[in-house]
Amino acid sequence: MDDMATLTAAEIAGKNNYDLNKHWGEMKGFTFALQFGYRGDATGGPMAIISEASVIALHALMGNAPVYAAVGSTEADAYLADLQAAKDIFQAAYGFSDANMADW
């Protein structure tokens, strides 16, 4: 979320900011990994802590690419709200403290 606050006009136009691209890719990659806990363990029960519906919601909130928009724009504000909703899903699923979530 902080990466979007420092975007320059040139970076927005070229959709080229190393940190934003790197952090978005890590976020999306780790979220993809969560979907593989639904096959069940040796007893046939689910292995995942987070629900399948929550993982689907996370992917929808994160989108398919980093959002390049000026701070304060409708697009940026909407995406930041989506990222906050994603944080809320993670916190609810895993019981992270408010202090831990504040550092995200």
PDB file of N, CA and C in Angstrom:
ATOM      1  N   MET A   1       0.818  -1.179   0.000  1.00  0.00           N
ATOM      2  CA  MET A   1       0.000   0.000   0.000  1.00  0.00           C
ATOM      3  C   MET A   1       0.870   1.254   0.000  1.00  0.00           C
ATOM      4  N   ASP A   2       1.973   1.196   0.722  1.00  0.00           N
ATOM      5  CA  ASP A   2       2.868   2.354   0.766  1.00  0.00           C
ATOM      6  C   ASP A   2       3.521   2.622  -0.579  1.00  0.00           C
ATOM      7  N   ASP A   3       3.741   1.568  -1.371  1.00  0.00           N
ATOM      8  CA  ASP A   3       4.389   1.746  -2.676  1.00  0.00           C
ATOM      9  C   ASP A   3       3.591   2.684  -3.574  1.00  0.00           C
ATOM     10  N   MET A   4       2.281   2.637  -3.474  1.00  0.00           N
ATOM     11  CA  MET A   4       1.453   3.483  -4.333  1.00  0.00           C
ATOM     12  C   MET A   4       1.581   4.956  -3.966  1.00  0.00           C
ATOM     13  N   ALA A   5       1.892   5.250  -2.711  1.00  0.00           N
ATOM     14  CA  ALA A   5       1.971   6.638  -2.254  1.00  0.00           C
ATOM     15  C   ALA A   5       3.163   7.380  -2.832  1.00  0.00           C
ATOM     16  N   THR A   6       4.151   6.659  -3.318  1.00  0.00           N
ATOM     17  CA  THR A   6       5.377   7.303  -3.807  1.00  0.00           C
ATOM     18  C   THR A   6       5.511   7.277  -5.323  1.00  0.00           C
ATOM     19  N   LEU A   7       4.472   6.865  -6.025  1.00  0.00           N
ATOM     20  CA  LEU A   7       4.553   6.781  -7.483  1.00  0.00           C
ATOM     21  C   LEU A   7       4.710   8.162  -8.110  1.00  0.00           C
ATOM     22  N   THR A   8       5.603   8.242  -9.075  1.00  0.00           N
ATOM     23  CA  THR A   8       5.763   9.475  -9.843  1.00  0.00           C
ATOM     24  C   THR A   8       4.864   9.415 -11.076  1.00  0.00           C
ATOM     25  N   ALA A   9       4.657  10.559 -11.694  1.00  0.00           N
ATOM     26  CA  ALA A   9       3.841  10.603 -12.912  1.00  0.00           C
ATOM     27  C   ALA A   9       4.441   9.718 -13.998  1.00  0.00           C
ATOM     28  N   ALA A  10       5.763   9.714 -14.109  1.00  0.00           N
ATOM     29  CA  ALA A  10       6.427   8.888 -15.128  1.00  0.00           C
ATOM     30  C   ALA A  10       6.225   7.400 -14.835  1.00  0.00           C
ATOM     31  N   GLU A  11       6.288   7.021 -13.566  1.00  0.00           N
ATOM     32  CA  GLU A  11       6.082   5.611 -13.213  1.00  0.00           C
ATOM     33  C   GLU A  11       4.643   5.189 -13.486  1.00  0.00           C
ATOM     34  N   ILE A  12       3.700   6.079 -13.210  1.00  0.00           N
ATOM     35  CA  ILE A  12       2.294   5.769 -13.480  1.00  0.00           C
ATOM     36  C   ILE A  12       2.085   5.596 -14.979  1.00  0.00           C
ATOM     37  N   ALA A  13       2.621   6.521 -15.757  1.00  0.00           N
ATOM     38  CA  ALA A  13       2.456   6.456 -17.215  1.00  0.00           C
ATOM     39  C   ALA A  13       3.090   5.196 -17.799  1.00  0.00           C
ATOM     40  N   GLY A  14       4.264   4.821 -17.291  1.00  0.00           N
ATOM     41  CA  GLY A  14       4.968   3.648 -17.808  1.00  0.00           C
ATOM     42  C   GLY A  14       4.664   2.365 -17.072  1.00  0.00           C
ATOM     43  N   LYS A  15       3.831   2.459 -16.027  1.00  0.00           N
ATOM     44  CA  LYS A  15       3.529   1.309 -15.165  1.00  0.00           C
ATOM     45  C   LYS A  15       4.821   0.592 -14.798  1.00  0.00           C
ATOM     46  N   ASN A  16       5.755   1.387 -14.277  1.00  0.00           N
ATOM     47  CA  ASN A  16       7.083   0.857 -14.017  1.00  0.00           C
ATOM     48  C   ASN A  16       7.628   1.375 -12.690  1.00  0.00           C
ATOM     49  N   ASN A  17       7.395   0.619 -11.628  1.00  0.00           N
ATOM     50  CA  ASN A  17       7.974   0.904 -10.323  1.00  0.00           C
ATOM     51  C   ASN A  17       8.424  -0.429  -9.749  1.00  0.00           C
ATOM     52  N   TYR A  18       9.717  -0.574  -9.543  1.00  0.00           N
ATOM     53  CA  TYR A  18      10.285  -1.847  -9.110  1.00  0.00           C
ATOM     54  C   TYR A  18       9.606  -2.365  -7.840  1.00  0.00           C
ATOM     55  N   ASP A  19       9.519  -1.520  -6.814  1.00  0.00           N
ATOM     56  CA  ASP A  19       8.969  -1.981  -5.540  1.00  0.00           C
ATOM     57  C   ASP A  19       7.503  -2.390  -5.658  1.00  0.00           C
ATOM     58  N   LEU A  20       6.709  -1.586  -6.348  1.00  0.00           N
ATOM     59  CA  LEU A  20       5.295  -1.931  -6.498  1.00  0.00           C
ATOM     60  C   LEU A  20       5.140  -3.250  -7.250  1.00  0.00           C
ATOM     61  N   ASN A  21       5.853  -3.409  -8.346  1.00  0.00           N
ATOM     62  CA  ASN A  21       5.768  -4.660  -9.111  1.00  0.00           C
ATOM     63  C   ASN A  21       6.231  -5.849  -8.280  1.00  0.00           C
ATOM     64  N   LYS A  22       7.345  -5.695  -7.574  1.00  0.00           N
ATOM     65  CA  LYS A  22       7.898  -6.777  -6.750  1.00  0.00           C
ATOM     66  C   LYS A  22       6.926  -7.159  -5.634  1.00  0.00           C
ATOM     67  N   HIS A  23       6.444  -6.173  -4.905  1.00  0.00           N
ATOM     68  CA  HIS A  23       5.574  -6.462  -3.763  1.00  0.00           C
ATOM     69  C   HIS A  23       4.221  -7.009  -4.207  1.00  0.00           C
ATOM     70  N   TRP A  24       3.693  -6.496  -5.320  1.00  0.00           N
ATOM     71  CA  TRP A  24       2.432  -7.036  -5.822  1.00  0.00           C
ATOM     72  C   TRP A  24       2.628  -8.503  -6.235  1.00  0.00           C
ATOM     73  N   GLY A  25       3.727  -8.797  -6.921  1.00  0.00           N
ATOM     74  CA  GLY A  25       4.002 -10.168  -7.345  1.00  0.00           C
ATOM     75  C   GLY A  25       4.149 -11.119  -6.169  1.00  0.00           C
ATOM     76  N   GLU A  26       4.808 -10.666  -5.118  1.00  0.00           N
ATOM     77  CA  GLU A  26       4.941 -11.499  -3.917  1.00  0.00           C
ATOM     78  C   GLU A  26       3.573 -11.742  -3.288  1.00  0.00           C
ATOM     79  N   MET A  27       2.781 -10.677  -3.169  1.00  0.00           N
ATOM     80  CA  MET A  27       1.451 -10.785  -2.573  1.00  0.00           C
ATOM     81  C   MET A  27       0.597 -11.791  -3.349  1.00  0.00           C
ATOM     82  N   LYS A  28       0.591 -11.662  -4.654  1.00  0.00           N
ATOM     83  CA  LYS A  28      -0.234 -12.537  -5.490  1.00  0.00           C
ATOM     84  C   LYS A  28       0.285 -13.975  -5.451  1.00  0.00           C
ATOM     85  N   GLY A  29       1.599 -14.130  -5.489  1.00  0.00           N
ATOM     86  CA  GLY A  29       2.186 -15.466  -5.444  1.00  0.00           C
ATOM     87  C   GLY A  29       1.891 -16.196  -4.147  1.00  0.00           C
ATOM     88  N   PHE A  30       2.029 -15.506  -3.026  1.00  0.00           N
ATOM     89  CA  PHE A  30       1.725 -16.133  -1.742  1.00  0.00           C
ATOM     90  C   PHE A  30       0.241 -16.487  -1.652  1.00  0.00           C
ATOM     91  N   THR A  31      -0.601 -15.654  -2.232  1.00  0.00           N
ATOM     92  CA  THR A  31      -2.036 -15.935  -2.216  1.00  0.00           C
ATOM     93  C   THR A  31      -2.365 -17.141  -3.095  1.00  0.00           C
ATOM     94  N   PHE A  32      -1.682 -17.275  -4.231  1.00  0.00           N
ATOM     95  CA  PHE A  32      -1.873 -18.477  -5.055  1.00  0.00           C
ATOM     96  C   PHE A  32      -1.522 -19.732  -4.262  1.00  0.00           C
ATOM     97  N   ALA A  33      -0.490 -19.674  -3.454  1.00  0.00           N
ATOM     98  CA  ALA A  33      -0.071 -20.846  -2.681  1.00  0.00           C
ATOM     99  C   ALA A  33      -1.158 -21.309  -1.719  1.00  0.00           C
ATOM    100  N   LEU A  34      -1.981 -20.393  -1.244  1.00  0.00           N
ATOM    101  CA  LEU A  34      -3.035 -20.756  -0.295  1.00  0.00           C
ATOM    102  C   LEU A  34      -4.075 -21.692  -0.901  1.00  0.00           C
ATOM    103  N   GLN A  35      -4.249 -21.661  -2.202  1.00  0.00           N
ATOM    104  CA  GLN A  35      -5.295 -22.472  -2.822  1.00  0.00           C
ATOM    105  C   GLN A  35      -4.957 -23.954  -2.847  1.00  0.00           C
ATOM    106  N   PHE A  36      -3.736 -24.315  -2.524  1.00  0.00           N
ATOM    107  CA  PHE A  36      -3.348 -25.718  -2.593  1.00  0.00           C
ATOM    108  C   PHE A  36      -3.557 -26.468  -1.289  1.00  0.00           C
ATOM    109  N   GLY A  37      -4.182 -25.858  -0.301  1.00  0.00           N
ATOM    110  CA  GLY A  37      -4.470 -26.531   0.954  1.00  0.00           C
ATOM    111  C   GLY A  37      -5.841 -27.170   0.997  1.00  0.00           C
ATOM    112  N   TYR A  38      -6.532 -27.255  -0.130  1.00  0.00           N
ATOM    113  CA  TYR A  38      -7.902 -27.754  -0.125  1.00  0.00           C
ATOM    114  C   TYR A  38      -8.043 -29.186  -0.597  1.00  0.00           C
ATOM    115  N   ARG A  39      -6.955 -29.846  -0.875  1.00  0.00           N
ATOM    116  CA  ARG A  39      -7.027 -31.208  -1.388  1.00  0.00           C
ATOM    117  C   ARG A  39      -7.250 -32.220  -0.264  1.00  0.00           C
ATOM    118  N   GLY A  40      -7.016 -31.792   0.956  1.00  0.00           N
ATOM    119  CA  GLY A  40      -7.243 -32.665   2.090  1.00  0.00           C
ATOM    120  C   GLY A  40      -5.982 -33.389   2.512  1.00  0.00           C
ATOM    121  N   ASP A  41      -5.947 -33.786   3.759  1.00  0.00           N
ATOM    122  CA  ASP A  41      -4.790 -34.519   4.265  1.00  0.00           C
ATOM    123  C   ASP A  41      -5.057 -36.020   4.148  1.00  0.00           C
ATOM    124  N   ALA A  42      -4.221 -36.832   4.786  1.00  0.00           N
ATOM    125  CA  ALA A  42      -4.329 -38.290   4.661  1.00  0.00           C
ATOM    126  C   ALA A  42      -5.669 -38.811   5.171  1.00  0.00           C
ATOM    127  N   THR A  43      -6.298 -38.063   6.079  1.00  0.00           N
ATOM    128  CA  THR A  43      -7.590 -38.501   6.610  1.00  0.00           C
ATOM    129  C   THR A  43      -8.752 -37.988   5.778  1.00  0.00           C
ATOM    130  N   GLY A  44      -8.448 -37.226   4.748  1.00  0.00           N
ATOM    131  CA  GLY A  44      -9.501 -36.696   3.891  1.00  0.00           C
ATOM    132  C   GLY A  44     -10.022 -35.339   4.320  1.00  0.00           C
ATOM    133  N   GLY A  45      -9.521 -34.821   5.447  1.00  0.00           N
ATOM    134  CA  GLY A  45      -9.979 -33.519   5.931  1.00  0.00           C
ATOM    135  C   GLY A  45      -9.206 -32.379   5.298  1.00  0.00           C
ATOM    136  N   PRO A  46      -9.768 -31.181   5.339  1.00  0.00           N
ATOM    137  CA  PRO A  46      -9.080 -30.028   4.749  1.00  0.00           C
ATOM    138  C   PRO A  46      -7.845 -29.646   5.554  1.00  0.00           C
ATOM    139  N   MET A  47      -6.813 -29.165   4.859  1.00  0.00           N
ATOM    140  CA  MET A  47      -5.584 -28.733   5.527  1.00  0.00           C
ATOM    141  C   MET A  47      -5.558 -27.219   5.721  1.00  0.00           C
ATOM    142  N   ALA A  48      -6.371 -26.492   5.010  1.00  0.00           N
ATOM    143  CA  ALA A  48      -6.292 -25.039   5.004  1.00  0.00           C
ATOM    144  C   ALA A  48      -6.969 -24.422   6.219  1.00  0.00           C
ATOM    145  N   ILE A  49      -6.393 -23.345   6.701  1.00  0.00           N
ATOM    146  CA  ILE A  49      -7.012 -22.549   7.753  1.00  0.00           C
ATOM    147  C   ILE A  49      -7.991 -21.565   7.125  1.00  0.00           C
ATOM    148  N   ILE A  50      -7.596 -20.995   5.999  1.00  0.00           N
ATOM    149  CA  ILE A  50      -8.416 -20.008   5.301  1.00  0.00           C
ATOM    150  C   ILE A  50      -9.361 -20.729   4.340  1.00  0.00           C
ATOM    151  N   SER A  51     -10.572 -20.234   4.232  1.00  0.00           N
ATOM    152  CA  SER A  51     -11.560 -20.908   3.382  1.00  0.00           C
ATOM    153  C   SER A  51     -11.294 -20.666   1.901  1.00  0.00           C
ATOM    154  N   GLU A  52     -11.810 -21.559   1.095  1.00  0.00           N
ATOM    155  CA  GLU A  52     -11.686 -21.411  -0.351  1.00  0.00           C
ATOM    156  C   GLU A  52     -12.364 -20.123  -0.819  1.00  0.00           C
ATOM    157  N   ALA A  53     -13.517 -19.821  -0.236  1.00  0.00           N
ATOM    158  CA  ALA A  53     -14.230 -18.593  -0.606  1.00  0.00           C
ATOM    159  C   ALA A  53     -13.390 -17.355  -0.291  1.00  0.00           C
ATOM    160  N   SER A  54     -12.656 -17.399   0.817  1.00  0.00           N
ATOM    161  CA  SER A  54     -11.796 -16.268   1.171  1.00  0.00           C
ATOM    162  C   SER A  54     -10.640 -16.116   0.194  1.00  0.00           C
ATOM    163  N   VAL A  55     -10.062 -17.227  -0.243  1.00  0.00           N
ATOM    164  CA  VAL A  55      -8.965 -17.161  -1.216  1.00  0.00           C
ATOM    165  C   VAL A  55      -9.474 -16.591  -2.540  1.00  0.00           C
ATOM    166  N   ILE A  56     -10.646 -17.000  -2.955  1.00  0.00           N
ATOM    167  CA  ILE A  56     -11.237 -16.460  -4.184  1.00  0.00           C
ATOM    168  C   ILE A  56     -11.459 -14.956  -4.035  1.00  0.00           C
ATOM    169  N   ALA A  57     -11.963 -14.539  -2.884  1.00  0.00           N
ATOM    170  CA  ALA A  57     -12.182 -13.110  -2.636  1.00  0.00           C
ATOM    171  C   ALA A  57     -10.863 -12.345  -2.649  1.00  0.00           C
ATOM    172  N   LEU A  58      -9.816 -12.921  -2.061  1.00  0.00           N
ATOM    173  CA  LEU A  58      -8.505 -12.265  -2.056  1.00  0.00           C
ATOM    174  C   LEU A  58      -8.010 -12.019  -3.475  1.00  0.00           C
ATOM    175  N   HIS A  59      -8.126 -13.023  -4.333  1.00  0.00           N
ATOM    176  CA  HIS A  59      -7.680 -12.859  -5.723  1.00  0.00           C
ATOM    177  C   HIS A  59      -8.471 -11.754  -6.424  1.00  0.00           C
ATOM    178  N   ALA A  60      -9.757 -11.694  -6.173  1.00  0.00           N
ATOM    179  CA  ALA A  60     -10.578 -10.651  -6.796  1.00  0.00           C
ATOM    180  C   ALA A  60     -10.171  -9.270  -6.295  1.00  0.00           C
ATOM    181  N   LEU A  61      -9.900  -9.148  -5.007  1.00  0.00           N
ATOM    182  CA  LEU A  61      -9.516  -7.858  -4.430  1.00  0.00           C
ATOM    183  C   LEU A  61      -8.142  -7.400  -4.911  1.00  0.00           C
ATOM    184  N   MET A  62      -7.224  -8.335  -5.083  1.00  0.00           N
ATOM    185  CA  MET A  62      -5.860  -7.992  -5.505  1.00  0.00           C
ATOM    186  C   MET A  62      -5.778  -7.670  -6.991  1.00  0.00           C
ATOM    187  N   GLY A  63      -6.665  -8.236  -7.774  1.00  0.00           N
ATOM    188  CA  GLY A  63      -6.656  -7.989  -9.211  1.00  0.00           C
ATOM    189  C   GLY A  63      -5.609  -8.817  -9.928  1.00  0.00           C
ATOM    190  N   ASN A  64      -5.438  -8.531 -11.206  1.00  0.00           N
ATOM    191  CA  ASN A  64      -4.529  -9.303 -12.051  1.00  0.00           C
ATOM    192  C   ASN A  64      -3.215  -8.605 -12.345  1.00  0.00           C
ATOM    193  N   ALA A  65      -3.038  -7.407 -11.831  1.00  0.00           N
ATOM    194  CA  ALA A  65      -1.802  -6.643 -12.045  1.00  0.00           C
ATOM    195  C   ALA A  65      -1.776  -5.500 -11.039  1.00  0.00           C
ATOM    196  N   PRO A  66      -0.590  -4.983 -10.755  1.00  0.00           N
ATOM    197  CA  PRO A  66      -0.528  -3.829  -9.856  1.00  0.00           C
ATOM    198  C   PRO A  66      -1.307  -2.655 -10.445  1.00  0.00           C
ATOM    199  N   VAL A  67      -1.932  -1.885  -9.581  1.00  0.00           N
ATOM    200  CA  VAL A  67      -2.676  -0.709 -10.030  1.00  0.00           C
ATOM    201  C   VAL A  67      -1.753   0.498  -9.994  1.00  0.00           C
ATOM    202  N   TYR A  68      -1.660   1.165 -11.119  1.00  0.00           N
ATOM    203  CA  TYR A  68      -0.867   2.389 -11.239  1.00  0.00           C
ATOM    204  C   TYR A  68      -1.836   3.552 -11.364  1.00  0.00           C
ATOM    205  N   ALA A  69      -2.016   4.285 -10.283  1.00  0.00           N
ATOM    206  CA  ALA A  69      -2.931   5.421 -10.281  1.00  0.00           C
ATOM    207  C   ALA A  69      -2.400   6.471  -9.313  1.00  0.00           C
ATOM    208  N   ALA A  70      -2.702   7.715  -9.597  1.00  0.00           N
ATOM    209  CA  ALA A  70      -2.241   8.819  -8.757  1.00  0.00           C
ATOM    210  C   ALA A  70      -2.915   8.764  -7.393  1.00  0.00           C
ATOM    211  N   VAL A  71      -2.150   9.065  -6.354  1.00  0.00           N
ATOM    212  CA  VAL A  71      -2.680   9.115  -4.999  1.00  0.00           C
ATOM    213  C   VAL A  71      -3.853  10.088  -4.968  1.00  0.00           C
ATOM    214  N   GLY A  72      -4.930   9.665  -4.344  1.00  0.00           N
ATOM    215  CA  GLY A  72      -6.111  10.504  -4.244  1.00  0.00           C
ATOM    216  C   GLY A  72      -7.089  10.351  -5.396  1.00  0.00           C
ATOM    217  N   SER A  73      -6.689   9.636  -6.440  1.00  0.00           N
ATOM    218  CA  SER A  73      -7.609   9.411  -7.559  1.00  0.00           C
ATOM    219  C   SER A  73      -8.645   8.365  -7.157  1.00  0.00           C
ATOM    220  N   THR A  74      -9.748   8.366  -7.853  1.00  0.00           N
ATOM    221  CA  THR A  74     -10.804   7.386  -7.587  1.00  0.00           C
ATOM    222  C   THR A  74     -10.274   5.965  -7.724  1.00  0.00           C
ATOM    223  N   GLU A  75      -9.464   5.732  -8.755  1.00  0.00           N
ATOM    224  CA  GLU A  75      -8.912   4.393  -8.992  1.00  0.00           C
ATOM    225  C   GLU A  75      -7.990   3.962  -7.855  1.00  0.00           C
ATOM    226  N   ALA A  76      -7.115   4.855  -7.422  1.00  0.00           N
ATOM    227  CA  ALA A  76      -6.193   4.524  -6.329  1.00  0.00           C
ATOM    228  C   ALA A  76      -6.954   4.287  -5.034  1.00  0.00           C
ATOM    229  N   ASP A  77      -7.903   5.159  -4.729  1.00  0.00           N
ATOM    230  CA  ASP A  77      -8.674   5.008  -3.495  1.00  0.00           C
ATOM    231  C   ASP A  77      -9.459   3.702  -3.479  1.00  0.00           C
ATOM    232  N   ALA A  78     -10.040   3.336  -4.621  1.00  0.00           N
ATOM    233  CA  ALA A  78     -10.799   2.085  -4.700  1.00  0.00           C
ATOM    234  C   ALA A  78      -9.883   0.881  -4.501  1.00  0.00           C
ATOM    235  N   TYR A  79      -8.699   0.909  -5.109  1.00  0.00           N
ATOM    236  CA  TYR A  79      -7.779  -0.217  -4.975  1.00  0.00           C
ATOM    237  C   TYR A  79      -7.234  -0.314  -3.552  1.00  0.00           C
ATOM    238  N   LEU A  80      -6.930   0.830  -2.942  1.00  0.00           N
ATOM    239  CA  LEU A  80      -6.464   0.809  -1.555  1.00  0.00           C
ATOM    240  C   LEU A  80      -7.551   0.262  -0.629  1.00  0.00           C
ATOM    241  N   ALA A  81      -8.809   0.570  -0.908  1.00  0.00           N
ATOM    242  CA  ALA A  81      -9.912   0.006  -0.127  1.00  0.00           C
ATOM    243  C   ALA A  81      -9.985  -1.509  -0.330  1.00  0.00           C
ATOM    244  N   ASP A  82      -9.751  -1.967  -1.563  1.00  0.00           N
ATOM    245  CA  ASP A  82      -9.723  -3.411  -1.828  1.00  0.00           C
ATOM    246  C   ASP A  82      -8.584  -4.090  -1.074  1.00  0.00           C
ATOM    247  N   LEU A  83      -7.414  -3.455  -1.043  1.00  0.00           N
ATOM    248  CA  LEU A  83      -6.284  -4.036  -0.307  1.00  0.00           C
ATOM    249  C   LEU A  83      -6.566  -4.069   1.192  1.00  0.00           C
ATOM    250  N   GLN A  84      -7.247  -3.058   1.705  1.00  0.00           N
ATOM    251  CA  GLN A  84      -7.626  -3.068   3.119  1.00  0.00           C
ATOM    252  C   GLN A  84      -8.598  -4.210   3.391  1.00  0.00           C
ATOM    253  N   ALA A  85      -9.531  -4.435   2.488  1.00  0.00           N
ATOM    254  CA  ALA A  85     -10.463  -5.556   2.638  1.00  0.00           C
ATOM    255  C   ALA A  85      -9.713  -6.890   2.620  1.00  0.00           C
ATOM    256  N   ALA A  86      -8.688  -6.990   1.782  1.00  0.00           N
ATOM    257  CA  ALA A  86      -7.866  -8.207   1.747  1.00  0.00           C
ATOM    258  C   ALA A  86      -7.142  -8.398   3.079  1.00  0.00           C
ATOM    259  N   LYS A  87      -6.602  -7.312   3.626  1.00  0.00           N
ATOM    260  CA  LYS A  87      -5.953  -7.397   4.938  1.00  0.00           C
ATOM    261  C   LYS A  87      -6.939  -7.888   5.991  1.00  0.00           C
ATOM    262  N   ASP A  88      -8.163  -7.394   5.934  1.00  0.00           N
ATOM    263  CA  ASP A  88      -9.186  -7.806   6.897  1.00  0.00           C
ATOM    264  C   ASP A  88      -9.484  -9.301   6.784  1.00  0.00           C
ATOM    265  N   ILE A  89      -9.495  -9.825   5.559  1.00  0.00           N
ATOM    266  CA  ILE A  89      -9.719 -11.261   5.358  1.00  0.00           C
ATOM    267  C   ILE A  89      -8.585 -12.064   5.992  1.00  0.00           C
ATOM    268  N   PHE A  90      -7.342 -11.658   5.745  1.00  0.00           N
ATOM    269  CA  PHE A  90      -6.204 -12.352   6.351  1.00  0.00           C
ATOM    270  C   PHE A  90      -6.270 -12.294   7.872  1.00  0.00           C
ATOM    271  N   GLN A  91      -6.582 -11.139   8.417  1.00  0.00           N
ATOM    272  CA  GLN A  91      -6.633 -10.996   9.867  1.00  0.00           C
ATOM    273  C   GLN A  91      -7.713 -11.890  10.469  1.00  0.00           C
ATOM    274  N   ALA A  92      -8.884 -11.914   9.848  1.00  0.00           N
ATOM    275  CA  ALA A  92      -9.970 -12.745  10.359  1.00  0.00           C
ATOM    276  C   ALA A  92      -9.633 -14.232  10.267  1.00  0.00           C
ATOM    277  N   ALA A  93      -9.014 -14.646   9.173  1.00  0.00           N
ATOM    278  CA  ALA A  93      -8.714 -16.067   8.965  1.00  0.00           C
ATOM    279  C   ALA A  93      -7.622 -16.570   9.894  1.00  0.00           C
ATOM    280  N   TYR A  94      -6.603 -15.759  10.107  1.00  0.00           N
ATOM    281  CA  TYR A  94      -5.427 -16.224  10.845  1.00  0.00           C
ATOM    282  C   TYR A  94      -5.297 -15.636  12.240  1.00  0.00           C
ATOM    283  N   GLY A  95      -6.177 -14.726  12.612  1.00  0.00           N
ATOM    284  CA  GLY A  95      -6.156 -14.166  13.958  1.00  0.00           C
ATOM    285  C   GLY A  95      -4.979 -13.249  14.236  1.00  0.00           C
ATOM    286  N   PHE A  96      -4.446 -12.600  13.194  1.00  0.00           N
ATOM    287  CA  PHE A  96      -3.333 -11.671  13.396  1.00  0.00           C
ATOM    288  C   PHE A  96      -3.786 -10.493  14.252  1.00  0.00           C
ATOM    289  N   SER A  97      -2.891  -9.994  15.088  1.00  0.00           N
ATOM    290  CA  SER A  97      -3.212  -8.849  15.942  1.00  0.00           C
ATOM    291  C   SER A  97      -3.292  -7.567  15.117  1.00  0.00           C
ATOM    292  N   ASP A  98      -3.949  -6.567  15.683  1.00  0.00           N
ATOM    293  CA  ASP A  98      -4.018  -5.262  15.016  1.00  0.00           C
ATOM    294  C   ASP A  98      -2.623  -4.680  14.828  1.00  0.00           C
ATOM    295  N   ALA A  99      -1.733  -4.905  15.802  1.00  0.00           N
ATOM    296  CA  ALA A  99      -0.358  -4.391  15.697  1.00  0.00           C
ATOM    297  C   ALA A  99       0.369  -5.024  14.512  1.00  0.00           C
ATOM    298  N   ASN A 100       0.201  -6.320  14.325  1.00  0.00           N
ATOM    299  CA  ASN A 100       0.829  -6.983  13.174  1.00  0.00           C
ATOM    300  C   ASN A 100       0.268  -6.448  11.863  1.00  0.00           C
ATOM    301  N   MET A 101      -1.021  -6.249  11.816  1.00  0.00           N
ATOM    302  CA  MET A 101      -1.643  -5.777  10.579  1.00  0.00           C
ATOM    303  C   MET A 101      -1.252  -4.339  10.259  1.00  0.00           C
ATOM    304  N   ALA A 102      -0.957  -3.547  11.264  1.00  0.00           N
ATOM    305  CA  ALA A 102      -0.570  -2.149  11.043  1.00  0.00           C
ATOM    306  C   ALA A 102       0.752  -2.046  10.298  1.00  0.00           C
ATOM    307  N   ASP A 103       1.584  -3.081  10.391  1.00  0.00           N
ATOM    308  CA  ASP A 103       2.889  -3.072   9.722  1.00  0.00           C
ATOM    309  C   ASP A 103       2.821  -3.538   8.276  1.00  0.00           C
ATOM    310  N   TRP A 104       1.666  -3.946   7.798  1.00  0.00           N
ATOM    311  CA  TRP A 104       1.551  -4.437   6.425  1.00  0.00           C
ATOM    312  C   TRP A 104       1.534  -3.282   5.474  1.00  0.00           C
TER     313      TRP A 104
END
